[in-house]
Amino acid sequence: MADCMEKIGRNIAEHLCNYIGETVTIYCTCGGESGSGFTGVVLSVNDCFVRLITCIGPAPGCALGSACNRGLFSLWNRRCCSGDIRSVGSVTDIPIDRIASFVHNAV
């Protein structure tokens, strides 16, 4: 039975590799919030885990050094420079053996 589960895990991992860079939703066999599924862009896949970018953080607000202090950027960029944006993004690692279903676009 363990050998069969290993083979199933490899097949799922191989299938997920086809969707690197694509937005997908993965539902897990876990309870709580994780049972609601995770939607994100597939970043990487190995035999044990699939990694999704589930929230992309903001771009650097002051790519040109202190230029944002001189009013050369939009209000959004000035807010980034002043620290009002508090998200740095998030990555979710999902164990392959906990995947209940995998949803992706048909095309």
N, C-alpha and C. Protein backbone atom coordinates (compact mmCIF):
# COMPACT_ATOMS: atom_id res chain seq x y z
N MET A 1 0.83 -1.21 0.00
CA MET A 1 0.00 0.00 0.00
C MET A 1 0.87 1.26 0.00
N ALA A 2 1.95 1.27 0.79
CA ALA A 2 2.82 2.45 0.85
C ALA A 2 3.44 2.75 -0.52
N ASP A 3 3.82 1.68 -1.25
CA ASP A 3 4.39 1.85 -2.58
C ASP A 3 3.38 2.47 -3.53
N CYS A 4 2.11 2.06 -3.41
CA CYS A 4 1.04 2.62 -4.23
C CYS A 4 0.87 4.11 -3.94
N MET A 5 0.87 4.48 -2.66
CA MET A 5 0.71 5.89 -2.28
C MET A 5 1.88 6.72 -2.77
N GLU A 6 3.09 6.16 -2.73
CA GLU A 6 4.26 6.86 -3.24
C GLU A 6 4.11 7.15 -4.72
N LYS A 7 3.62 6.16 -5.47
CA LYS A 7 3.42 6.32 -6.92
C LYS A 7 2.36 7.38 -7.20
N ILE A 8 1.26 7.38 -6.44
CA ILE A 8 0.21 8.39 -6.61
C ILE A 8 0.78 9.78 -6.33
N GLY A 9 1.56 9.91 -5.26
CA GLY A 9 2.19 11.19 -4.93
C GLY A 9 3.09 11.69 -6.03
N ARG A 10 3.89 10.78 -6.63
CA ARG A 10 4.77 11.16 -7.74
C ARG A 10 3.96 11.62 -8.94
N ASN A 11 2.86 10.91 -9.24
CA ASN A 11 2.02 11.29 -10.38
C ASN A 11 1.40 12.66 -10.19
N ILE A 12 0.93 12.95 -8.98
CA ILE A 12 0.36 14.27 -8.70
C ILE A 12 1.43 15.34 -8.84
N ALA A 13 2.61 15.08 -8.30
CA ALA A 13 3.71 16.05 -8.39
C ALA A 13 4.08 16.30 -9.84
N GLU A 14 4.16 15.25 -10.64
CA GLU A 14 4.48 15.40 -12.06
C GLU A 14 3.41 16.22 -12.77
N HIS A 15 2.15 15.96 -12.43
CA HIS A 15 1.05 16.70 -13.03
C HIS A 15 1.11 18.18 -12.63
N LEU A 16 1.36 18.45 -11.35
CA LEU A 16 1.44 19.83 -10.87
C LEU A 16 2.57 20.61 -11.55
N CYS A 17 3.64 19.92 -11.91
CA CYS A 17 4.77 20.58 -12.58
C CYS A 17 4.34 21.25 -13.89
N ASN A 18 3.31 20.71 -14.52
CA ASN A 18 2.80 21.30 -15.77
C ASN A 18 2.16 22.66 -15.55
N TYR A 19 1.87 23.01 -14.31
CA TYR A 19 1.15 24.24 -14.01
C TYR A 19 2.02 25.28 -13.30
N ILE A 20 3.33 25.11 -13.32
CA ILE A 20 4.22 26.12 -12.73
C ILE A 20 4.01 27.43 -13.48
N GLY A 21 3.77 28.50 -12.71
CA GLY A 21 3.49 29.80 -13.29
C GLY A 21 2.01 30.07 -13.51
N GLU A 22 1.16 29.08 -13.30
CA GLU A 22 -0.28 29.22 -13.49
C GLU A 22 -0.99 29.41 -12.15
N THR A 23 -2.15 30.06 -12.19
CA THR A 23 -2.97 30.21 -11.00
C THR A 23 -3.86 28.97 -10.84
N VAL A 24 -3.82 28.39 -9.65
CA VAL A 24 -4.58 27.17 -9.36
C VAL A 24 -5.22 27.29 -7.97
N THR A 25 -6.14 26.38 -7.68
CA THR A 25 -6.67 26.23 -6.32
C THR A 25 -6.46 24.79 -5.91
N ILE A 26 -5.91 24.61 -4.70
CA ILE A 26 -5.65 23.28 -4.17
C ILE A 26 -6.43 23.13 -2.88
N TYR A 27 -7.26 22.08 -2.81
CA TYR A 27 -8.00 21.75 -1.59
C TYR A 27 -7.26 20.63 -0.87
N CYS A 28 -7.23 20.74 0.45
CA CYS A 28 -6.47 19.78 1.26
C CYS A 28 -7.39 18.92 2.11
N THR A 29 -6.85 17.82 2.60
CA THR A 29 -7.59 16.93 3.48
C THR A 29 -7.49 17.36 4.94
N CYS A 30 -6.95 18.53 5.19
CA CYS A 30 -6.78 19.05 6.54
C CYS A 30 -8.07 19.74 6.99
N GLY A 31 -8.19 19.99 8.26
CA GLY A 31 -9.36 20.69 8.77
C GLY A 31 -9.12 22.19 8.85
N GLY A 32 -10.07 22.89 9.41
CA GLY A 32 -9.94 24.33 9.61
C GLY A 32 -9.91 25.10 8.30
N GLU A 33 -9.20 26.21 8.32
CA GLU A 33 -9.12 27.09 7.15
C GLU A 33 -8.48 26.41 5.94
N SER A 34 -7.56 25.49 6.18
CA SER A 34 -6.88 24.84 5.04
C SER A 34 -7.83 23.98 4.22
N GLY A 35 -8.94 23.54 4.81
CA GLY A 35 -9.93 22.78 4.06
C GLY A 35 -10.69 23.61 3.05
N SER A 36 -10.60 24.94 3.17
CA SER A 36 -11.26 25.85 2.23
C SER A 36 -10.47 26.01 0.94
N GLY A 37 -9.26 25.52 0.92
CA GLY A 37 -8.45 25.58 -0.28
C GLY A 37 -7.52 26.77 -0.30
N PHE A 38 -6.50 26.66 -1.12
CA PHE A 38 -5.50 27.71 -1.30
C PHE A 38 -5.45 28.06 -2.78
N THR A 39 -5.58 29.33 -3.10
CA THR A 39 -5.48 29.79 -4.47
C THR A 39 -4.21 30.61 -4.60
N GLY A 40 -3.42 30.31 -5.61
CA GLY A 40 -2.20 31.05 -5.84
C GLY A 40 -1.51 30.56 -7.11
N VAL A 41 -0.35 31.12 -7.36
CA VAL A 41 0.46 30.77 -8.52
C VAL A 41 1.45 29.69 -8.11
N VAL A 42 1.51 28.59 -8.87
CA VAL A 42 2.44 27.50 -8.57
C VAL A 42 3.85 28.00 -8.81
N LEU A 43 4.65 27.97 -7.74
CA LEU A 43 6.03 28.44 -7.81
C LEU A 43 6.99 27.28 -8.04
N SER A 44 6.80 26.19 -7.28
CA SER A 44 7.67 25.03 -7.45
C SER A 44 6.97 23.78 -6.94
N VAL A 45 7.47 22.63 -7.38
CA VAL A 45 6.91 21.34 -6.99
C VAL A 45 8.06 20.36 -6.80
N ASN A 46 7.99 19.56 -5.74
CA ASN A 46 8.90 18.43 -5.59
C ASN A 46 8.07 17.22 -5.16
N ASP A 47 8.71 16.12 -4.81
CA ASP A 47 7.97 14.91 -4.45
C ASP A 47 7.17 15.05 -3.17
N CYS A 48 7.50 16.04 -2.34
CA CYS A 48 6.84 16.17 -1.04
C CYS A 48 5.89 17.37 -0.94
N PHE A 49 6.22 18.48 -1.59
CA PHE A 49 5.46 19.72 -1.43
C PHE A 49 5.20 20.41 -2.75
N VAL A 50 4.12 21.19 -2.78
CA VAL A 50 3.89 22.17 -3.85
C VAL A 50 3.91 23.53 -3.17
N ARG A 51 4.59 24.49 -3.76
CA ARG A 51 4.70 25.84 -3.20
C ARG A 51 3.90 26.80 -4.07
N LEU A 52 2.97 27.52 -3.41
CA LEU A 52 2.15 28.53 -4.09
C LEU A 52 2.49 29.91 -3.56
N ILE A 53 2.51 30.89 -4.44
CA ILE A 53 2.54 32.29 -4.00
C ILE A 53 1.08 32.67 -3.84
N THR A 54 0.65 32.85 -2.59
CA THR A 54 -0.76 33.10 -2.32
C THR A 54 -1.06 34.58 -2.14
N CYS A 55 -0.05 35.40 -1.95
CA CYS A 55 -0.24 36.84 -1.86
C CYS A 55 1.07 37.51 -2.26
N ILE A 56 1.02 38.32 -3.30
CA ILE A 56 2.22 38.99 -3.77
C ILE A 56 2.37 40.31 -3.03
N GLY A 57 3.52 40.52 -2.46
CA GLY A 57 3.80 41.75 -1.73
C GLY A 57 4.03 42.92 -2.68
N PRO A 58 4.07 44.14 -2.13
CA PRO A 58 4.27 45.32 -2.98
C PRO A 58 5.69 45.39 -3.52
N ALA A 59 5.82 46.03 -4.65
CA ALA A 59 7.15 46.25 -5.23
C ALA A 59 7.88 47.27 -4.38
N PRO A 60 9.21 47.32 -4.49
CA PRO A 60 9.95 48.34 -3.74
C PRO A 60 9.42 49.73 -4.09
N GLY A 61 9.15 50.52 -3.07
CA GLY A 61 8.55 51.84 -3.29
C GLY A 61 9.54 52.91 -3.71
N CYS A 62 10.79 52.72 -3.41
CA CYS A 62 11.79 53.76 -3.70
C CYS A 62 12.90 53.18 -4.54
N ALA A 63 12.54 52.66 -5.69
CA ALA A 63 13.53 52.02 -6.56
C ALA A 63 14.60 53.00 -7.03
N LEU A 64 14.29 54.29 -6.98
CA LEU A 64 15.25 55.31 -7.43
C LEU A 64 15.84 56.07 -6.23
N GLY A 65 16.03 55.37 -5.15
CA GLY A 65 16.62 56.00 -3.97
C GLY A 65 15.64 56.93 -3.30
N SER A 66 16.01 58.18 -3.10
CA SER A 66 15.16 59.13 -2.37
C SER A 66 14.21 59.88 -3.28
N ALA A 67 14.05 59.44 -4.52
CA ALA A 67 13.20 60.15 -5.48
C ALA A 67 11.75 60.25 -4.99
N CYS A 68 11.28 59.26 -4.21
CA CYS A 68 9.89 59.31 -3.76
C CYS A 68 9.67 60.48 -2.80
N ASN A 69 10.69 60.94 -2.16
CA ASN A 69 10.56 62.08 -1.25
C ASN A 69 10.39 63.39 -2.01
N ARG A 70 10.69 63.41 -3.30
CA ARG A 70 10.59 64.63 -4.10
C ARG A 70 9.29 64.68 -4.89
N GLY A 71 8.35 63.77 -4.58
CA GLY A 71 7.05 63.82 -5.23
C GLY A 71 7.04 63.32 -6.66
N LEU A 72 7.97 62.47 -7.05
CA LEU A 72 8.02 61.97 -8.42
C LEU A 72 7.18 60.73 -8.64
N PHE A 73 6.59 60.18 -7.57
CA PHE A 73 5.81 58.96 -7.67
C PHE A 73 4.37 59.22 -7.25
N SER A 74 3.53 58.27 -7.50
CA SER A 74 2.11 58.39 -7.14
C SER A 74 1.95 58.32 -5.63
N LEU A 75 0.74 58.63 -5.17
CA LEU A 75 0.43 58.55 -3.75
C LEU A 75 0.67 57.14 -3.23
N TRP A 76 0.34 56.12 -4.03
CA TRP A 76 0.56 54.74 -3.60
C TRP A 76 2.02 54.50 -3.31
N ASN A 77 2.90 54.92 -4.20
CA ASN A 77 4.32 54.71 -3.99
C ASN A 77 4.83 55.48 -2.78
N ARG A 78 4.31 56.67 -2.55
CA ARG A 78 4.74 57.42 -1.36
C ARG A 78 4.29 56.71 -0.09
N ARG A 79 3.09 56.09 -0.13
CA ARG A 79 2.64 55.33 1.03
C ARG A 79 3.55 54.13 1.27
N CYS A 80 4.01 53.51 0.21
CA CYS A 80 4.93 52.38 0.38
C CYS A 80 6.22 52.85 1.04
N CYS A 81 6.70 53.99 0.59
CA CYS A 81 7.94 54.52 1.15
C CYS A 81 7.78 54.86 2.63
N SER A 82 6.61 55.31 3.01
CA SER A 82 6.43 55.72 4.41
C SER A 82 6.06 54.55 5.30
N GLY A 83 5.90 53.35 4.74
CA GLY A 83 5.64 52.17 5.55
C GLY A 83 4.17 51.89 5.81
N ASP A 84 3.23 52.54 5.09
CA ASP A 84 1.82 52.30 5.31
C ASP A 84 1.35 50.94 4.79
N ILE A 85 2.08 50.37 3.84
CA ILE A 85 1.74 49.06 3.31
C ILE A 85 2.41 48.03 4.22
N ARG A 86 1.61 47.16 4.83
CA ARG A 86 2.17 46.26 5.84
C ARG A 86 2.31 44.82 5.37
N SER A 87 1.94 44.51 4.16
CA SER A 87 2.03 43.14 3.68
C SER A 87 3.33 42.93 2.92
N VAL A 88 3.99 41.83 3.21
CA VAL A 88 5.20 41.48 2.46
C VAL A 88 4.93 40.30 1.54
N GLY A 89 3.66 39.87 1.47
CA GLY A 89 3.29 38.74 0.64
C GLY A 89 3.28 37.46 1.45
N SER A 90 2.89 36.36 0.80
CA SER A 90 2.92 35.08 1.49
C SER A 90 3.11 33.93 0.50
N VAL A 91 3.71 32.88 1.01
CA VAL A 91 3.95 31.65 0.25
C VAL A 91 3.34 30.52 1.06
N THR A 92 2.68 29.58 0.39
CA THR A 92 2.07 28.44 1.05
C THR A 92 2.71 27.15 0.53
N ASP A 93 3.21 26.33 1.45
CA ASP A 93 3.75 25.01 1.11
C ASP A 93 2.71 23.97 1.49
N ILE A 94 2.28 23.19 0.52
CA ILE A 94 1.24 22.19 0.74
C ILE A 94 1.85 20.80 0.55
N PRO A 95 1.74 19.92 1.57
CA PRO A 95 2.24 18.55 1.40
C PRO A 95 1.45 17.82 0.31
N ILE A 96 2.17 17.19 -0.60
CA ILE A 96 1.54 16.46 -1.71
C ILE A 96 0.55 15.43 -1.19
N ASP A 97 0.89 14.76 -0.07
CA ASP A 97 0.02 13.69 0.43
C ASP A 97 -1.23 14.21 1.13
N ARG A 98 -1.40 15.54 1.21
CA ARG A 98 -2.59 16.14 1.83
C ARG A 98 -3.52 16.78 0.80
N ILE A 99 -3.20 16.64 -0.49
CA ILE A 99 -4.03 17.24 -1.54
C ILE A 99 -5.26 16.37 -1.79
N ALA A 100 -6.43 17.00 -1.64
CA ALA A 100 -7.69 16.30 -1.91
C ALA A 100 -8.13 16.53 -3.34
N SER A 101 -7.97 17.77 -3.83
CA SER A 101 -8.29 18.05 -5.23
C SER A 101 -7.51 19.26 -5.69
N PHE A 102 -7.41 19.36 -7.01
CA PHE A 102 -6.59 20.37 -7.65
C PHE A 102 -7.43 20.97 -8.78
N VAL A 103 -7.61 22.29 -8.75
CA VAL A 103 -8.47 22.97 -9.73
C VAL A 103 -7.60 23.91 -10.56
N HIS A 104 -7.76 23.84 -11.89
CA HIS A 104 -7.00 24.70 -12.79
C HIS A 104 -7.87 25.03 -13.99
N ASN A 105 -7.43 25.99 -14.78
CA ASN A 105 -8.16 26.36 -16.00
C ASN A 105 -8.10 25.23 -17.01
N ALA A 106 -9.15 25.11 -17.82
CA ALA A 106 -9.22 24.05 -18.82
C ALA A 106 -8.32 24.34 -20.02
N VAL A 107 -8.04 25.60 -20.26
CA VAL A 107 -7.26 25.95 -21.44
C VAL A 107 -5.86 26.31 -21.04
